[in-house]
Amino acid sequence: MIDFSLSENQKRLLDLARDFAAGEIKPVAIEFDRESTYPEAILKKAHELGFLYTNIPKPYGGSGMTYLEHYLVTEALNYECCAIGQMIGIAHLASGAILLGGTEEQKKKFIGSMTESYRSACFCLTEPEAGSDAGVMQTTAEKKGDRYIINGSKCYITNGQYADLLCLFATMDRSLGTRGICCFAVPRNTRGIRVGRIEDKMGHRALNVVELFFENLEVGPDNLIGKEGEGFKLAMMALDRGRVNIAAICTGIAQKALDESIQRAKTRVQFGQPIGNHQGVQFMLADMNALIMASRAMYLQVGWMLDQGLRCTTEGALAKFFATDAVMKITTDAVQILGGSGYMRGAVVEKLMRDAKLTQIFEGTNQINRMVAGRGIMGGASKLF
């Protein structure tokens, strides 16, 4: 029987996450957005409370939440500011390939060391000429004896300036395309890592995003995750989970936009009555709420699938592009409902609209995710029961 009720422990986790977002994130969200502030103090507190590594099993220093619990908490933490929320939750993607492909010894060594700190990890896949098309990756891993010498660069790397652990992808043979890509776990203190440009973004401004350069970075066989040539497969498996995470993030943003819109609709008086009494505004609010319900249901379904050990490539892609398109519409409508006051810099919904746009781009553009989903559907995937 399908049941949407939460256990007492899940209710407690959700309440704690909501309280943390309201108490720690909400008071600084607009300021940190304006100044592009790295939320160090918030990350330290999140680490203390067990919100930083929710998806990581307890033997490696994480909180050991199920996927479903992790996504519920993710929505709650991203409700007040998705940039700060994602700085808290970046380990979900960044550690994914290592958790999926690493040996027990590697997980304890690299993930276990990472979870001792609040600086988390980063996922180093995207390059200036290798975004959606990872097969043209230019960062190389040349094997000399049992060592790998890595040279190249990555761009748009979330938490790249601060992360203690890098999940780094490089190719051993560019002629092999995706089959030449390897995955490496690289501690920050490894020689040969240089931070380049710190990006100045339209939205997600408290989210640290940088260029990274690798100059004769030397690692050993213990740093190789999985086998040589398995990096692309591990990256895609991590992105399956990360795309669901984006759907949960978008649901938090969208819920905040709806709540701001409802408050405005109740208090803004025009033509002698609150604007929420007018049918045109009620239709907008109804459409917003319907999209939020659908987005939440999609990430809950895929979270359940992951907890059951079911493959979710198609469903993860569907949830990602649906929720991100939905949040873009919802935040745009929220600005419309608030009118001129919603368009001004410093307004909550103005920030939400800027933040929403990036979700349609990262972790696979929505065009790429539609291709992924379409291929899966043609192959007979996306049948839950």
Protein backbone atom coordinates (compact mmCIF):
# COMPACT_ATOMS: atom_id res chain seq x y z
CA MET A 1 0.00 0.00 0.00
CA ILE A 2 1.32 3.44 -0.91
CA ASP A 3 1.66 5.69 2.14
CA PHE A 4 2.87 9.29 2.28
CA SER A 5 3.02 9.46 6.08
CA LEU A 6 6.38 9.96 7.78
CA SER A 7 7.78 8.03 10.72
CA GLU A 8 8.34 9.87 13.99
CA ASN A 9 12.08 9.95 13.30
CA GLN A 10 11.51 11.36 9.80
CA LYS A 11 9.22 14.05 11.22
CA ARG A 12 11.91 14.92 13.74
CA LEU A 13 14.58 15.19 11.01
CA LEU A 14 12.32 17.40 8.90
CA ASP A 15 11.48 19.66 11.84
CA LEU A 16 15.17 20.00 12.71
CA ALA A 17 16.04 20.89 9.12
CA ARG A 18 13.25 23.47 8.91
CA ASP A 19 14.28 25.01 12.22
CA PHE A 20 17.91 25.15 11.08
CA ALA A 21 16.96 26.84 7.80
CA ALA A 22 14.72 29.36 9.56
CA GLY A 23 17.20 30.12 12.34
CA GLU A 24 20.55 30.02 10.54
CA ILE A 25 19.92 30.56 6.81
CA LYS A 26 16.92 32.89 6.54
CA PRO A 27 18.45 35.82 8.51
CA VAL A 28 21.47 36.04 6.17
CA ALA A 29 20.09 34.81 2.84
CA ILE A 30 19.68 38.21 1.15
CA GLU A 31 22.97 39.57 2.55
CA PHE A 32 24.98 36.51 1.55
CA ASP A 33 23.42 36.66 -1.92
CA ARG A 34 24.36 40.31 -2.29
CA GLU A 35 27.94 39.83 -1.09
CA SER A 36 28.55 36.32 -2.49
CA THR A 37 29.53 35.22 1.03
CA TYR A 38 30.98 31.78 1.71
CA PRO A 39 28.69 30.45 4.51
CA GLU A 40 31.48 29.02 6.66
CA ALA A 41 29.80 29.45 10.05
CA ILE A 42 26.60 27.86 8.75
CA LEU A 43 28.53 24.90 7.32
CA LYS A 44 30.22 24.35 10.67
CA LYS A 45 26.86 24.27 12.45
CA ALA A 46 25.36 22.00 9.79
CA HIS A 47 28.29 19.65 10.30
CA GLU A 48 27.74 19.59 14.06
CA LEU A 49 24.03 18.78 13.61
CA GLY A 50 24.58 16.05 11.02
CA PHE A 51 23.14 17.90 8.01
CA LEU A 52 26.33 18.09 5.96
CA TYR A 53 26.73 14.44 5.01
CA THR A 54 23.19 13.14 5.24
CA ASN A 55 23.54 10.70 2.33
CA ILE A 56 26.81 9.13 3.53
CA PRO A 57 26.63 5.89 5.56
CA LYS A 58 27.54 6.06 9.23
CA PRO A 59 30.66 3.84 8.92
CA TYR A 60 32.25 6.63 6.83
CA GLY A 61 31.23 9.47 9.15
CA GLY A 62 27.89 10.42 7.59
CA SER A 63 24.39 10.60 9.04
CA GLY A 64 23.26 7.45 7.25
CA MET A 65 19.89 8.74 6.09
CA THR A 66 17.93 6.89 3.43
CA TYR A 67 17.68 8.58 0.04
CA LEU A 68 14.07 9.48 0.79
CA GLU A 69 15.04 11.11 4.09
CA HIS A 70 17.98 12.89 2.47
CA TYR A 71 15.75 14.43 -0.23
CA LEU A 72 13.13 15.53 2.31
CA VAL A 73 15.82 17.24 4.37
CA THR A 74 17.31 18.74 1.20
CA GLU A 75 14.02 20.42 0.31
CA ALA A 76 13.77 21.86 3.82
CA LEU A 77 17.36 23.17 3.88
CA ASN A 78 16.99 24.81 0.46
CA TYR A 79 13.70 26.55 1.30
CA GLU A 80 15.34 29.69 2.65
CA CYS A 81 18.36 29.84 0.30
CA CYS A 82 19.28 27.25 -2.30
CA ALA A 83 22.86 28.53 -2.63
CA ILE A 84 23.60 27.97 1.05
CA GLY A 85 21.53 24.79 0.98
CA GLN A 86 23.63 23.40 -1.84
CA MET A 87 26.89 24.31 -0.11
CA ILE A 88 25.57 22.15 2.73
CA GLY A 89 24.52 19.32 0.42
CA ILE A 90 27.22 19.27 -2.29
CA ALA A 91 28.70 16.03 -0.90
CA HIS A 92 25.66 14.17 -2.21
CA LEU A 93 26.94 14.55 -5.77
CA ALA A 94 30.64 14.99 -5.07
CA SER A 95 31.04 11.77 -3.09
CA GLY A 96 28.59 9.74 -5.17
CA ALA A 97 31.06 8.17 -7.60
CA ILE A 98 33.45 7.26 -4.78
CA LEU A 99 30.67 5.63 -2.75
CA LEU A 100 29.45 3.76 -5.83
CA GLY A 101 32.79 2.60 -7.23
CA GLY A 102 35.26 2.68 -4.37
CA THR A 103 36.50 -0.23 -2.32
CA GLU A 104 35.72 -0.41 1.37
CA GLU A 105 39.25 0.75 2.09
CA GLN A 106 38.93 3.71 -0.28
CA LYS A 107 35.62 4.79 1.22
CA LYS A 108 37.04 4.75 4.73
CA LYS A 109 40.21 6.54 3.62
CA PHE A 110 38.75 9.29 1.44
CA ILE A 111 35.13 9.69 2.56
CA GLY A 112 35.97 9.01 6.19
CA SER A 113 38.64 11.72 6.20
CA MET A 114 36.36 14.19 4.41
CA THR A 115 33.52 13.84 6.90
CA GLU A 116 35.79 14.89 9.77
CA SER A 117 35.71 18.43 8.33
CA TYR A 118 32.96 20.82 7.23
CA ARG A 119 34.63 21.66 3.89
CA SER A 120 33.11 18.70 2.05
CA ALA A 121 33.99 17.74 -1.54
CA CYS A 122 33.64 18.84 -5.16
CA PHE A 123 32.71 17.07 -8.39
CA CYS A 124 35.26 17.86 -11.12
CA LEU A 125 33.76 16.84 -14.46
CA THR A 126 32.89 19.95 -16.51
CA GLU A 127 35.48 21.63 -18.74
CA PRO A 128 35.35 24.67 -21.03
CA GLU A 129 34.75 22.41 -24.06
CA ALA A 130 33.33 19.37 -22.27
CA GLY A 131 30.02 20.09 -20.60
CA SER A 132 27.13 17.98 -21.84
CA ASP A 133 29.60 16.13 -24.09
CA ALA A 134 32.03 14.62 -21.58
CA GLY A 135 33.55 12.44 -24.30
CA VAL A 136 35.67 15.35 -25.56
CA MET A 137 37.34 15.81 -22.16
CA GLN A 138 40.81 17.38 -22.39
CA THR A 139 42.10 16.75 -18.85
CA THR A 140 44.51 13.84 -19.15
CA ALA A 141 45.82 11.14 -16.83
CA GLU A 142 49.12 9.79 -18.13
CA LYS A 143 50.25 6.56 -16.53
CA LYS A 144 53.90 6.28 -15.55
CA GLY A 145 54.62 3.04 -13.80
CA ASP A 146 51.88 2.70 -11.22
CA ARG A 147 51.43 6.48 -10.94
CA TYR A 148 49.00 8.78 -12.78
CA ILE A 149 50.10 12.28 -13.82
CA ILE A 150 47.09 14.54 -14.34
CA ASN A 151 47.10 17.78 -16.33
CA GLY A 152 44.23 19.97 -17.45
CA SER A 153 41.47 22.20 -16.14
CA LYS A 154 37.88 22.14 -14.97
CA CYS A 155 35.31 24.92 -14.84
CA TYR A 156 32.11 25.76 -12.93
CA ILE A 157 33.18 23.55 -10.04
CA THR A 158 30.91 23.99 -7.02
CA ASN A 159 32.89 24.27 -3.76
CA GLY A 160 36.11 23.97 -5.77
CA GLN A 161 37.87 26.66 -3.75
CA TYR A 162 37.29 25.04 -0.37
CA ALA A 163 36.67 21.29 -0.78
CA ASP A 164 38.88 18.89 1.16
CA LEU A 165 38.24 16.11 -1.36
CA LEU A 166 38.07 16.27 -5.15
CA CYS A 167 36.23 13.67 -7.22
CA LEU A 168 38.24 14.24 -10.40
CA PHE A 169 37.63 12.85 -13.87
CA ALA A 170 40.40 12.62 -16.48
CA THR A 171 40.96 10.65 -19.66
CA MET A 172 43.77 8.23 -20.32
CA ASP A 173 43.02 8.13 -24.05
CA ARG A 174 41.01 10.88 -25.76
CA SER A 175 40.52 8.71 -28.84
CA LEU A 176 38.35 6.36 -26.76
CA GLY A 177 35.82 9.08 -25.88
CA THR A 178 33.88 8.27 -22.73
CA ARG A 179 35.55 4.83 -22.49
CA GLY A 180 38.89 6.47 -21.73
CA ILE A 181 37.68 8.43 -18.70
CA CYS A 182 38.86 7.52 -15.19
CA CYS A 183 37.68 8.66 -11.77
CA PHE A 184 40.14 9.69 -9.06
CA ALA A 185 39.69 10.61 -5.39
CA VAL A 186 42.14 13.45 -4.73
CA PRO A 187 42.71 15.04 -1.31
CA ARG A 188 43.04 18.83 -1.39
CA ASN A 189 46.58 18.78 0.01
CA THR A 190 47.86 16.91 -3.07
CA ARG A 191 50.42 19.03 -4.93
CA GLY A 192 49.42 20.34 -8.34
CA ILE A 193 45.95 21.83 -7.67
CA ARG A 194 45.45 25.52 -8.42
CA VAL A 195 42.29 27.61 -8.07
CA GLY A 196 41.61 29.94 -11.00
CA ARG A 197 38.75 32.38 -11.54
CA ILE A 198 36.04 32.64 -8.89
CA GLU A 199 32.79 33.01 -10.82
CA ASP A 200 30.49 36.01 -10.38
CA LYS A 201 27.04 34.58 -11.00
CA MET A 202 23.54 35.90 -11.71
CA GLY A 203 22.05 33.67 -9.00
CA HIS A 204 23.24 31.13 -6.44
CA ARG A 205 25.66 33.83 -5.38
CA ALA A 206 26.60 32.29 -2.02
CA LEU A 207 27.49 29.09 -3.89
CA ASN A 208 31.24 28.93 -4.42
CA VAL A 209 31.96 28.15 -8.10
CA VAL A 210 35.49 28.27 -9.54
CA GLU A 211 37.93 27.16 -12.19
CA LEU A 212 40.46 24.52 -11.19
CA PHE A 213 43.81 23.80 -12.84
CA PHE A 214 45.80 20.59 -12.49
CA GLU A 215 49.52 20.85 -13.16
CA ASN A 216 51.46 17.59 -13.00
CA LEU A 217 49.16 16.35 -10.26
CA GLU A 218 50.49 12.95 -9.24
CA VAL A 219 48.35 10.23 -7.66
CA GLY A 220 48.75 6.51 -7.12
CA PRO A 221 46.63 3.40 -7.77
CA ASP A 222 44.86 3.86 -4.44
CA ASN A 223 43.34 7.09 -5.81
CA LEU A 224 41.77 5.38 -8.83
CA ILE A 225 38.08 4.69 -8.18
CA GLY A 226 36.86 1.62 -10.00
CA LYS A 227 38.84 0.42 -13.00
CA GLU A 228 40.57 2.41 -15.71
CA GLY A 229 37.92 3.57 -18.19
CA GLU A 230 35.01 3.29 -15.73
CA GLY A 231 34.97 6.98 -14.79
CA PHE A 232 32.19 8.03 -17.15
CA LYS A 233 29.89 5.25 -15.93
CA LEU A 234 30.49 6.28 -12.31
CA ALA A 235 29.90 9.95 -13.14
CA MET A 236 26.57 9.16 -14.79
CA MET A 237 25.47 6.97 -11.88
CA ALA A 238 26.31 9.79 -9.47
CA LEU A 239 24.40 12.24 -11.65
CA ASP A 240 21.31 10.00 -11.57
CA ARG A 241 21.17 10.61 -7.84
CA GLY A 242 22.25 14.24 -8.11
CA ARG A 243 19.47 15.06 -10.56
CA VAL A 244 16.88 13.89 -8.06
CA ASN A 245 18.61 16.09 -5.52
CA ILE A 246 18.08 19.05 -7.88
CA ALA A 247 14.37 18.21 -8.02
CA ALA A 248 14.21 18.38 -4.22
CA ILE A 249 16.12 21.67 -4.22
CA CYS A 250 13.72 23.12 -6.79
CA THR A 251 10.73 22.03 -4.73
CA GLY A 252 12.12 24.00 -1.79
CA ILE A 253 12.65 27.10 -3.94
CA ALA A 254 9.18 26.76 -5.46
CA GLN A 255 7.48 26.30 -2.09
CA LYS A 256 9.15 29.46 -0.80
CA ALA A 257 7.99 31.37 -3.90
CA LEU A 258 4.42 30.13 -3.44
CA ASP A 259 4.39 31.05 0.26
CA GLU A 260 5.64 34.57 -0.52
CA SER A 261 2.96 34.86 -3.22
CA ILE A 262 0.17 33.73 -0.91
CA GLN A 263 1.23 36.25 1.73
CA ARG A 264 1.20 39.03 -0.86
CA ALA A 265 -2.14 37.90 -2.28
CA LYS A 266 -3.70 38.14 1.19
CA THR A 267 -2.32 41.57 2.09
CA ARG A 268 -2.07 43.55 -1.18
CA VAL A 269 -5.36 45.40 -1.71
CA GLN A 270 -6.47 46.59 -5.15
CA PHE A 271 -9.96 47.56 -6.30
CA GLY A 272 -11.09 47.44 -2.69
CA GLN A 273 -10.11 43.86 -1.89
CA PRO A 274 -7.03 41.61 -1.53
CA ILE A 275 -5.66 40.60 -4.92
CA GLY A 276 -5.99 36.97 -3.88
CA ASN A 277 -9.76 37.35 -4.21
CA HIS A 278 -9.37 37.93 -7.94
CA GLN A 279 -9.75 34.87 -10.13
CA GLY A 280 -6.67 35.67 -12.23
CA VAL A 281 -4.38 35.50 -9.18
CA GLN A 282 -6.13 32.39 -7.80
CA PHE A 283 -5.48 30.60 -11.10
CA MET A 284 -1.77 31.45 -10.86
CA LEU A 285 -1.57 30.20 -7.28
CA ALA A 286 -3.39 26.99 -8.19
CA ASP A 287 -1.01 26.30 -11.08
CA MET A 288 2.00 26.98 -8.85
CA ASN A 289 0.77 24.60 -6.16
CA ALA A 290 0.00 21.86 -8.69
CA LEU A 291 3.53 22.02 -10.09
CA ILE A 292 4.99 21.86 -6.56
CA MET A 293 2.91 18.79 -5.70
CA ALA A 294 4.06 17.07 -8.88
CA SER A 295 7.73 17.97 -8.33
CA ARG A 296 7.63 16.69 -4.76
CA ALA A 297 5.91 13.47 -5.79
CA MET A 298 8.58 12.86 -8.44
CA TYR A 299 11.54 13.20 -6.08
CA LEU A 300 9.77 11.10 -3.45
CA GLN A 301 9.19 8.35 -6.02
CA VAL A 302 12.79 8.29 -7.19
CA GLY A 303 14.07 8.45 -3.62
CA TRP A 304 11.96 5.40 -2.85
CA MET A 305 13.32 3.66 -5.96
CA LEU A 306 16.91 4.28 -4.89
CA ASP A 307 16.16 2.92 -1.43
CA GLN A 308 14.80 -0.23 -3.09
CA GLY A 309 17.95 -0.59 -5.20
CA LEU A 310 16.07 0.15 -8.44
CA ARG A 311 17.71 1.87 -11.40
CA CYS A 312 16.44 5.43 -11.83
CA THR A 313 18.30 6.97 -14.79
CA THR A 314 15.10 7.74 -16.71
CA GLU A 315 13.09 8.80 -13.67
CA GLY A 316 15.93 10.96 -12.32
CA ALA A 317 16.20 12.80 -15.64
CA LEU A 318 12.42 13.26 -15.79
CA ALA A 319 12.29 14.62 -12.24
CA LYS A 320 15.17 16.99 -12.91
CA PHE A 321 13.84 18.66 -16.03
CA PHE A 322 10.24 18.75 -14.80
CA ALA A 323 11.05 20.29 -11.41
CA THR A 324 13.52 22.82 -12.83
CA ASP A 325 11.13 23.97 -15.56
CA ALA A 326 8.40 24.15 -12.93
CA VAL A 327 10.43 26.27 -10.52
CA MET A 328 11.36 28.69 -13.29
CA LYS A 329 7.67 29.24 -14.06
CA ILE A 330 6.68 29.40 -10.40
CA THR A 331 9.30 32.00 -9.45
CA THR A 332 8.48 34.08 -12.54
CA ASP A 333 4.80 34.03 -11.56
CA ALA A 334 5.74 34.93 -7.98
CA VAL A 335 7.49 38.06 -9.24
CA GLN A 336 4.38 38.84 -11.30
CA ILE A 337 2.11 38.51 -8.26
CA LEU A 338 4.31 40.75 -6.15
CA GLY A 339 4.56 43.24 -9.00
CA GLY A 340 7.09 46.03 -8.83
CA SER A 341 8.08 45.22 -5.25
CA GLY A 342 8.95 41.68 -6.29
CA TYR A 343 11.18 42.88 -9.09
CA MET A 344 13.38 45.08 -6.91
CA ARG A 345 16.82 43.86 -5.80
CA GLY A 346 16.59 42.59 -2.24
CA ALA A 347 13.10 41.13 -2.65
CA VAL A 348 12.91 37.44 -1.77
CA VAL A 349 11.15 36.45 -5.00
CA GLU A 350 13.64 38.41 -7.13
CA LYS A 351 16.40 36.26 -5.65
CA LEU A 352 14.36 33.09 -6.10
CA MET A 353 13.82 33.82 -9.79
CA ARG A 354 17.57 34.36 -10.36
CA ASP A 355 18.36 31.20 -8.41
CA ALA A 356 15.83 29.13 -10.34
CA LYS A 357 17.47 29.69 -13.72
CA LEU A 358 20.66 27.78 -12.96
CA THR A 359 18.73 24.65 -12.08
CA GLN A 360 17.78 24.25 -15.75
CA ILE A 361 21.47 24.23 -16.69
CA PHE A 362 23.63 22.33 -14.20
CA GLU A 363 23.89 18.56 -13.70
CA GLY A 364 22.85 18.16 -17.31
CA THR A 365 20.91 20.84 -19.18
CA ASN A 366 17.22 20.16 -19.48
CA GLN A 367 17.71 19.41 -23.16
CA ILE A 368 20.23 16.69 -22.27
CA ASN A 369 17.95 15.32 -19.57
CA ARG A 370 15.10 15.10 -22.05
CA MET A 371 17.40 13.10 -24.33
CA VAL A 372 18.37 10.78 -21.45
CA ALA A 373 14.74 10.30 -20.49
CA GLY A 374 13.63 9.81 -24.08
CA ARG A 375 16.19 7.08 -24.68
CA GLY A 376 15.13 5.36 -21.47
CA ILE A 377 11.46 5.50 -22.41
CA MET A 378 12.19 4.07 -25.86
CA GLY A 379 14.09 1.27 -24.12
CA GLY A 380 11.07 0.37 -22.02
CA ALA A 381 12.20 2.04 -18.79
CA SER A 382 10.11 4.17 -16.43
CA LYS A 383 7.67 1.50 -15.29
CA LEU A 384 7.39 1.68 -11.52
CA PHE A 385 5.22 -1.38 -10.92
